[in-house]
Amino acid sequence: MATAFFFKAVAADGKIRTGSLTAETERLAASELRRQGLIPVEVSQQAPRKNVKINVPLLDAGRRRDVLFFTGEISTLLNSGVPVDRALLITSELSERASFRALVTDVLRILKSGKSLADSLAAHPTHFSELYINMVRAGEAAGSLALIFERLAAFETTRDDLRGYIVSSMIYPILLSCVGIASIIVLLEFVVPRFALIFSDPHIKIPTPTLLMMQASAIIQTWWLPGTITLLAVIIAFRMYIGTTAGRLWWDTFRLKVPLLGDALRKAETSRFARAMGTLVASSVPLVSALGIARGILNNQRMAGSLEAVATGVKRGEGISQPLQKTGAFPPLAGYLLNVGEETGHLDTMFYRMADIYENETRTAIRRFTALFEPLIILTMGIVIGSLILSLLLAITSINDVNL
């Protein structure tokens, strides 16, 4: 059955064309556009959204979305035979965010001044990582930019999916903790003081649980401001400490030792490392250089630092699997997989395989962590809030117990 499809396409003069056409499927609609001499960029049953300008600071999430969009569009256009400069011009016109549109325009300006595409992207390090730039540089040297951007698009998409899964999995436990803590503070700060007025009479016997609750409430009422200031000072001092090299190394090492959470972090970093190495090795980046680039994208400095010893082993001719196993920073299976890759001569394939394995195991570890963490929070908050309510009930029932 014929359906109306909206489209964005690039004409022979490099300009964007939008409109609608009737076809049975999206594939047939795209084929019709190509028959008309247009390069399809977007074909869907819904009208494209109008550009919306939002004057807010550019967040990390926004940067990731922009880079993901840029990589996908450039990959599509280069694989369709569009020259690099025209691909950049089209991508800038398709960008919905004005700030990123200006960034792509600046990249195009630098490119036209005689710089390479990699050097043009390197002018914006907040958006394009060292891995990204080196991949593009390798693609320019090998004359395979279209393939490189296709691999980069797959890499960015997979990394963004995993990051999104981890963040979404942790939202509910964090929200649950905040609600529980807020409930306890409200009870101790506003509800308990009302009951404390009832027991101002010395003839009323105060139950021990109620007395403890009233004392806790009094401490919070008296010390909440100094306590808040002290807590903020501790948090600021801690963040300053982990901002140092030694502090960050200690913190990253400690996090890897936390039960369940440490296992999930280790597997997430391993998948990130394997995905980056697979992409770099498949693009003919030298192994030692690839290790240096991969080291820069790891969040955990304990695991990132271990790659220096791996690079040293590679320079000595020991391969990559044995030095990686000796560090003890990565899961044992990673070393065995890379050993097989070295023996079969398919190291890039084995890196991709390792990335898939540890991305799946990261999701499993996160599910295992949240499956234990959520009931633990509920149980803890239930015990604390239940104890407070029980103390209030004991206070109510003890009002009649007056020593005359």
Protein backbone atom coordinates (compact mmCIF):
# COMPACT_ATOMS: atom_id res chain seq x y z
CA MET A 1 0.00 0.00 0.00
CA ALA A 2 1.41 3.39 -1.02
CA THR A 3 2.37 5.73 1.84
CA ALA A 4 3.40 9.37 1.89
CA PHE A 5 7.03 9.84 3.00
CA PHE A 6 8.69 13.10 3.92
CA PHE A 7 12.33 13.45 2.87
CA LYS A 8 15.48 15.53 3.09
CA ALA A 9 17.88 15.06 0.20
CA VAL A 10 20.93 16.68 -1.37
CA ALA A 11 20.69 17.91 -4.94
CA ALA A 12 23.52 17.98 -7.49
CA ASP A 13 24.22 21.63 -6.64
CA GLY A 14 24.81 20.67 -2.99
CA LYS A 15 21.63 22.31 -1.67
CA ILE A 16 19.11 20.68 0.62
CA ARG A 17 15.77 19.63 -0.85
CA THR A 18 12.76 18.74 1.29
CA GLY A 19 9.35 17.48 0.34
CA SER A 20 7.20 14.37 0.16
CA LEU A 21 6.62 11.50 -2.23
CA THR A 22 4.48 8.39 -2.33
CA ALA A 23 5.99 4.90 -2.16
CA GLU A 24 5.28 1.51 -0.64
CA THR A 25 8.37 1.41 1.64
CA GLU A 26 11.13 3.73 2.82
CA ARG A 27 13.63 1.76 0.71
CA LEU A 28 11.59 2.32 -2.46
CA ALA A 29 11.21 6.00 -1.56
CA ALA A 30 14.99 6.33 -1.22
CA SER A 31 15.46 4.54 -4.55
CA GLU A 32 13.09 6.98 -6.24
CA LEU A 33 15.05 9.91 -4.85
CA ARG A 34 18.30 8.48 -6.18
CA ARG A 35 16.64 7.93 -9.58
CA GLN A 36 15.81 11.64 -9.57
CA GLY A 37 19.47 12.49 -8.99
CA LEU A 38 19.07 13.28 -5.29
CA ILE A 39 21.06 11.86 -2.38
CA PRO A 40 18.60 10.89 0.39
CA VAL A 41 19.58 12.09 3.85
CA GLU A 42 16.34 11.41 5.74
CA VAL A 43 13.22 9.51 4.68
CA SER A 44 10.40 9.04 7.20
CA GLN A 45 6.64 8.96 7.57
CA GLN A 46 6.75 11.95 9.93
CA ALA A 47 7.51 15.49 8.90
CA PRO A 48 11.00 16.64 9.90
CA ARG A 49 11.09 18.78 12.99
CA LYS A 50 11.68 22.48 12.55
CA ASN A 51 14.85 23.89 13.93
CA VAL A 52 14.42 25.09 17.49
CA LYS A 53 16.93 27.44 19.02
CA ILE A 54 17.55 26.87 22.70
CA ASN A 55 19.80 29.34 24.46
CA VAL A 56 21.23 27.08 27.18
CA PRO A 57 24.81 26.09 27.98
CA LEU A 58 26.14 23.17 25.96
CA LEU A 59 26.23 20.14 28.24
CA ASP A 60 28.28 16.98 27.79
CA ALA A 61 25.16 15.10 26.71
CA GLY A 62 24.56 17.74 24.05
CA ARG A 63 28.12 17.42 22.82
CA ARG A 64 27.77 13.67 22.51
CA ARG A 65 24.56 14.00 20.52
CA ASP A 66 26.16 16.59 18.25
CA VAL A 67 29.22 14.42 17.59
CA LEU A 68 27.02 11.38 16.99
CA PHE A 69 24.88 13.33 14.53
CA PHE A 70 27.95 14.79 12.79
CA THR A 71 29.63 11.40 12.42
CA GLY A 72 26.52 9.70 11.09
CA GLU A 73 25.80 12.44 8.55
CA ILE A 74 29.40 12.63 7.30
CA SER A 75 29.52 8.83 7.03
CA THR A 76 26.31 8.76 4.97
CA LEU A 77 27.40 11.55 2.65
CA LEU A 78 30.95 10.28 2.08
CA ASN A 79 29.66 6.78 1.33
CA SER A 80 27.31 8.40 -1.20
CA GLY A 81 30.27 9.95 -3.02
CA VAL A 82 29.90 13.53 -1.75
CA PRO A 83 33.23 15.40 -1.38
CA VAL A 84 34.40 16.24 2.13
CA ASP A 85 33.93 20.00 1.87
CA ARG A 86 30.40 19.65 0.52
CA ALA A 87 29.61 17.01 3.16
CA LEU A 88 30.63 19.47 5.87
CA LEU A 89 28.53 22.22 4.30
CA ILE A 90 25.47 19.95 4.14
CA THR A 91 25.99 18.78 7.71
CA SER A 92 26.18 22.37 8.95
CA GLU A 93 22.87 23.14 7.23
CA LEU A 94 21.25 20.05 8.75
CA SER A 95 22.46 20.83 12.30
CA GLU A 96 19.58 21.93 14.52
CA ARG A 97 21.79 23.44 17.24
CA ALA A 98 23.08 26.87 16.23
CA SER A 99 26.30 26.55 18.26
CA PHE A 100 27.22 23.26 16.62
CA ARG A 101 26.30 24.64 13.20
CA ALA A 102 28.86 27.38 13.80
CA LEU A 103 31.43 24.78 14.88
CA VAL A 104 31.00 22.74 11.68
CA THR A 105 31.24 25.93 9.64
CA ASP A 106 34.51 26.73 11.38
CA VAL A 107 35.83 23.24 10.61
CA LEU A 108 34.97 23.83 6.96
CA ARG A 109 36.73 27.21 7.03
CA ILE A 110 39.92 25.67 8.42
CA LEU A 111 39.73 22.85 5.86
CA LYS A 112 39.47 25.32 2.99
CA SER A 113 42.50 27.22 4.32
CA GLY A 114 44.63 24.22 3.42
CA LYS A 115 44.56 22.14 6.61
CA SER A 116 43.69 18.46 6.69
CA LEU A 117 40.31 17.33 8.01
CA ALA A 118 41.98 15.85 11.10
CA ASP A 119 43.73 19.15 11.88
CA SER A 120 40.47 21.02 11.28
CA LEU A 121 38.65 18.81 13.80
CA ALA A 122 41.55 19.08 16.25
CA ALA A 123 40.79 22.81 16.55
CA HIS A 124 37.74 21.79 18.61
CA PRO A 125 39.06 19.33 21.24
CA THR A 126 35.96 19.73 23.45
CA HIS A 127 33.94 17.87 20.82
CA PHE A 128 36.41 15.63 19.01
CA SER A 129 38.60 13.33 21.10
CA GLU A 130 42.16 12.26 20.35
CA LEU A 131 40.84 8.90 19.21
CA TYR A 132 38.45 10.58 16.80
CA ILE A 133 41.13 12.84 15.33
CA ASN A 134 43.69 10.05 14.95
CA MET A 135 41.13 7.84 13.26
CA VAL A 136 40.38 10.59 10.74
CA ARG A 137 44.09 11.17 10.23
CA ALA A 138 44.61 7.47 9.51
CA GLY A 139 41.66 7.52 7.10
CA GLU A 140 43.10 10.48 5.22
CA ALA A 141 46.49 8.76 4.92
CA ALA A 142 44.92 5.54 3.64
CA GLY A 143 42.37 7.27 1.41
CA SER A 144 39.46 5.57 3.18
CA LEU A 145 37.66 8.39 4.98
CA ALA A 146 34.22 6.98 4.20
CA LEU A 147 35.08 3.66 5.88
CA ILE A 148 36.67 5.44 8.85
CA PHE A 149 33.59 7.58 9.48
CA GLU A 150 31.43 4.49 9.19
CA ARG A 151 33.49 2.82 11.92
CA LEU A 152 33.45 5.99 14.00
CA ALA A 153 29.66 6.19 13.69
CA ALA A 154 29.36 2.60 14.94
CA PHE A 155 31.82 3.31 17.76
CA GLU A 156 30.06 6.49 18.93
CA THR A 157 26.61 4.86 18.73
CA THR A 158 27.66 1.81 20.74
CA ARG A 159 29.45 3.90 23.37
CA ASP A 160 26.47 6.25 23.72
CA ASP A 161 24.05 3.32 24.08
CA LEU A 162 26.12 1.76 26.88
CA ARG A 163 26.50 5.09 28.68
CA GLY A 164 22.76 5.71 28.39
CA TYR A 165 21.97 2.26 29.79
CA ILE A 166 24.24 2.79 32.82
CA VAL A 167 22.79 6.24 33.57
CA SER A 168 19.16 5.13 33.19
CA SER A 169 19.78 2.09 35.41
CA MET A 170 21.10 4.26 38.24
CA ILE A 171 18.37 6.91 38.14
CA TYR A 172 15.79 4.93 40.13
CA PRO A 173 18.11 3.85 43.01
CA ILE A 174 19.41 7.42 43.37
CA LEU A 175 15.89 8.87 43.29
CA LEU A 176 14.75 6.30 45.84
CA SER A 177 17.62 7.22 48.17
CA CYS A 178 16.86 10.95 47.90
CA VAL A 179 13.16 10.44 48.65
CA GLY A 180 13.95 8.26 51.66
CA ILE A 181 16.45 10.73 53.12
CA ALA A 182 14.07 13.64 52.53
CA SER A 183 11.28 11.75 54.34
CA ILE A 184 13.48 11.15 57.38
CA ILE A 185 14.53 14.82 57.50
CA VAL A 186 10.90 16.00 57.29
CA LEU A 187 9.87 13.70 60.13
CA LEU A 188 12.72 14.77 62.41
CA GLU A 189 12.59 18.46 61.51
CA PHE A 190 8.84 19.17 61.44
CA VAL A 191 6.79 16.26 62.83
CA VAL A 192 8.76 15.17 65.91
CA PRO A 193 9.10 18.71 67.40
CA ARG A 194 5.28 18.91 67.55
CA PHE A 195 5.21 15.78 69.71
CA ALA A 196 8.07 17.04 71.85
CA LEU A 197 5.81 19.83 73.13
CA ILE A 198 3.42 17.21 74.54
CA PHE A 199 6.18 15.71 76.71
CA SER A 200 7.19 19.01 78.27
CA ASP A 201 5.13 17.92 81.29
CA PRO A 202 7.55 16.16 83.71
CA HIS A 203 4.78 13.81 84.89
CA ILE A 204 4.62 12.10 81.48
CA LYS A 205 6.87 9.09 81.14
CA ILE A 206 8.72 9.14 77.81
CA PRO A 207 9.36 5.75 76.14
CA THR A 208 13.02 5.11 75.36
CA PRO A 209 12.53 4.92 71.53
CA THR A 210 10.61 8.20 71.63
CA LEU A 211 13.32 9.80 73.78
CA LEU A 212 16.01 8.76 71.29
CA MET A 213 13.94 10.11 68.43
CA MET A 214 13.43 13.44 70.20
CA GLN A 215 17.15 13.70 70.88
CA ALA A 216 17.94 13.02 67.21
CA SER A 217 15.41 15.68 66.22
CA ALA A 218 16.95 18.18 68.64
CA ILE A 219 20.43 17.51 67.25
CA ILE A 220 19.22 18.10 63.69
CA GLN A 221 17.41 21.31 64.65
CA THR A 222 20.45 22.63 66.51
CA TRP A 223 23.24 21.52 64.21
CA TRP A 224 21.67 21.42 60.74
CA LEU A 225 23.42 24.61 59.55
CA PRO A 226 26.92 23.79 60.89
CA GLY A 227 26.42 20.21 59.73
CA THR A 228 25.43 21.31 56.24
CA ILE A 229 28.41 23.65 56.00
CA THR A 230 30.75 20.92 57.24
CA LEU A 231 29.31 18.41 54.76
CA LEU A 232 29.74 20.85 51.87
CA ALA A 233 33.31 21.57 52.99
CA VAL A 234 34.10 17.86 53.13
CA ILE A 235 32.61 17.32 49.66
CA ILE A 236 34.58 20.24 48.21
CA ALA A 237 37.80 19.05 49.86
CA PHE A 238 37.22 15.52 48.61
CA ARG A 239 36.59 16.70 45.06
CA MET A 240 39.75 18.81 45.20
CA TYR A 241 41.70 15.80 46.43
CA ILE A 242 40.47 13.45 43.71
CA GLY A 243 41.25 16.24 41.25
CA THR A 244 44.94 15.64 41.95
CA THR A 245 46.85 12.82 40.25
CA ALA A 246 47.42 10.86 43.46
CA GLY A 247 43.87 11.42 44.68
CA ARG A 248 42.29 10.34 41.40
CA LEU A 249 44.43 7.19 41.32
CA TRP A 250 43.42 6.31 44.90
CA TRP A 251 39.72 6.96 44.19
CA ASP A 252 39.69 4.92 40.97
CA THR A 253 41.50 2.04 42.69
CA PHE A 254 39.03 2.14 45.59
CA ARG A 255 36.01 2.10 43.27
CA LEU A 256 37.27 -1.04 41.54
CA LYS A 257 37.32 -2.80 44.94
CA VAL A 258 33.68 -1.99 45.83
CA PRO A 259 31.63 -5.22 45.69
CA LEU A 260 29.38 -5.52 42.61
CA LEU A 261 29.90 -1.88 41.59
CA GLY A 262 33.64 -2.39 41.06
CA ASP A 263 32.98 -5.39 38.83
CA ALA A 264 30.55 -3.37 36.71
CA LEU A 265 33.02 -0.47 36.40
CA ARG A 266 35.87 -2.79 35.40
CA LYS A 267 33.78 -4.44 32.70
CA ALA A 268 32.50 -1.10 31.39
CA GLU A 269 36.07 0.22 31.09
CA THR A 270 37.20 -3.02 29.42
CA SER A 271 34.44 -2.76 26.83
CA ARG A 272 35.33 0.90 26.17
CA PHE A 273 39.01 -0.02 25.79
CA ALA A 274 38.27 -2.98 23.49
CA ARG A 275 35.88 -0.99 21.29
CA ALA A 276 38.42 1.82 20.87
CA MET A 277 41.29 -0.59 20.17
CA GLY A 278 39.25 -2.56 17.65
CA THR A 279 38.34 0.62 15.80
CA LEU A 280 41.94 1.89 15.80
CA VAL A 281 43.62 -1.40 14.85
CA ALA A 282 41.11 -1.99 12.05
CA SER A 283 42.04 1.45 10.74
CA SER A 284 45.75 0.51 10.57
CA VAL A 285 46.80 2.71 13.50
CA PRO A 286 50.05 1.29 14.98
CA LEU A 287 49.45 -0.81 18.09
CA VAL A 288 51.61 1.32 20.41
CA SER A 289 49.93 4.52 19.20
CA ALA A 290 46.51 2.87 19.57
CA LEU A 291 47.29 1.99 23.20
CA GLY A 292 48.27 5.59 23.90
CA ILE A 293 45.03 6.87 22.36
CA ALA A 294 42.90 4.28 24.16
CA ARG A 295 44.54 5.23 27.43
CA GLY A 296 43.22 8.76 26.99
CA ILE A 297 39.57 7.70 26.68
CA LEU A 298 39.45 5.51 29.79
CA ASN A 299 37.79 7.12 32.79
CA ASN A 300 39.51 4.93 35.39
CA GLN A 301 43.11 6.10 35.89
CA ARG A 302 44.14 2.83 37.54
CA MET A 303 43.26 0.88 34.41
CA ALA A 304 44.50 3.62 32.09
CA GLY A 305 47.89 3.71 33.83
CA SER A 306 48.34 -0.04 33.36
CA LEU A 307 48.33 0.46 29.58
CA GLU A 308 51.75 2.10 29.80
CA ALA A 309 53.22 -1.25 30.88
CA VAL A 310 51.29 -2.95 28.07
CA ALA A 311 52.76 -0.53 25.52
CA THR A 312 56.24 -1.23 26.91
CA GLY A 313 55.66 -4.96 26.47
CA VAL A 314 54.51 -4.43 22.89
CA LYS A 315 57.71 -2.47 22.13
CA ARG A 316 59.75 -5.39 23.50
CA GLY A 317 58.02 -7.78 21.13
CA GLU A 318 55.97 -9.56 23.82
CA GLY A 319 52.67 -8.95 22.03
CA ILE A 320 49.69 -7.41 23.79
CA SER A 321 47.98 -10.34 25.51
CA GLN A 322 50.75 -11.29 27.94
CA PRO A 323 51.53 -7.73 29.13
CA LEU A 324 47.80 -7.10 29.54
CA GLN A 325 47.42 -10.17 31.73
CA LYS A 326 50.42 -9.19 33.85
CA THR A 327 48.87 -5.83 34.80
CA GLY A 328 45.98 -7.51 36.59
CA ALA A 329 43.82 -4.47 35.85
CA PHE A 330 41.65 -6.13 33.22
CA PRO A 331 39.51 -9.28 33.54
CA PRO A 332 41.47 -12.52 32.87
CA LEU A 333 39.29 -13.43 29.89
CA ALA A 334 40.44 -10.30 28.05
CA GLY A 335 44.03 -11.57 27.92
CA TYR A 336 42.99 -15.00 26.66
CA LEU A 337 40.82 -13.50 23.91
CA LEU A 338 43.65 -11.28 22.71
CA ASN A 339 46.01 -14.25 22.77
CA VAL A 340 43.69 -16.03 20.36
CA GLY A 341 43.53 -12.91 18.21
CA GLU A 342 47.33 -12.76 18.02
CA GLU A 343 47.58 -16.44 17.10
CA THR A 344 44.94 -16.23 14.37
CA GLY A 345 46.08 -12.86 13.00
CA HIS A 346 42.67 -11.25 13.58
CA LEU A 347 43.42 -8.94 16.49
CA ASP A 348 40.94 -6.28 15.38
CA THR A 349 38.13 -8.84 15.14
CA MET A 350 38.97 -10.18 18.58
CA PHE A 351 38.93 -6.66 20.05
CA TYR A 352 35.42 -6.18 18.63
CA ARG A 353 34.40 -9.56 20.02
CA MET A 354 35.80 -8.65 23.42
CA ALA A 355 33.91 -5.34 23.34
CA ASP A 356 30.63 -7.13 22.62
CA ILE A 357 31.25 -9.63 25.43
CA TYR A 358 32.03 -7.01 28.06
CA GLU A 359 29.25 -4.65 26.99
CA ASN A 360 26.79 -7.49 27.60
CA GLU A 361 28.51 -8.36 30.89
CA THR A 362 28.41 -4.70 31.93
CA ARG A 363 24.65 -4.67 31.46
CA THR A 364 24.39 -7.91 33.45
CA ALA A 365 26.59 -6.51 36.24
CA ILE A 366 24.54 -3.29 36.39
CA ARG A 367 21.31 -5.31 36.58
CA ARG A 368 22.81 -7.43 39.35
CA PHE A 369 23.92 -4.34 41.26
CA THR A 370 20.55 -2.57 40.99
CA ALA A 371 18.70 -5.81 41.81
CA LEU A 372 20.53 -5.88 45.16
CA PHE A 373 20.83 -2.14 45.76
CA GLU A 374 17.16 -1.24 45.29
CA PRO A 375 15.76 -3.74 47.85
CA LEU A 376 18.58 -2.79 50.24
CA ILE A 377 17.59 0.89 50.05
CA ILE A 378 13.91 0.05 50.47
CA LEU A 379 14.66 -2.19 53.47
CA THR A 380 16.94 0.38 55.13
CA MET A 381 14.54 3.26 54.62
CA GLY A 382 11.64 1.08 55.73
CA ILE A 383 13.40 0.20 58.98
CA VAL A 384 14.38 3.81 59.74
CA ILE A 385 11.04 5.39 58.85
CA GLY A 386 9.15 2.51 60.48
CA SER A 387 11.14 3.01 63.68
CA LEU A 388 10.30 6.72 63.69
CA ILE A 389 6.60 6.04 63.17
CA LEU A 390 6.64 3.34 65.87
CA SER A 391 8.28 5.81 68.26
CA LEU A 392 5.52 8.31 67.50
CA LEU A 393 2.85 5.69 68.16
CA LEU A 394 4.50 4.76 71.46
CA ALA A 395 4.50 8.44 72.37
CA ILE A 396 0.77 8.71 71.67
CA THR A 397 -0.11 5.61 73.70
CA SER A 398 2.06 6.73 76.61
CA ILE A 399 0.33 10.06 77.08
CA ASN A 400 -2.22 8.46 79.44
CA ASP A 401 0.58 6.97 81.54
CA VAL A 402 0.91 9.92 83.89
CA ASN A 403 2.38 9.73 87.42
CA LEU A 404 -0.03 11.50 89.68
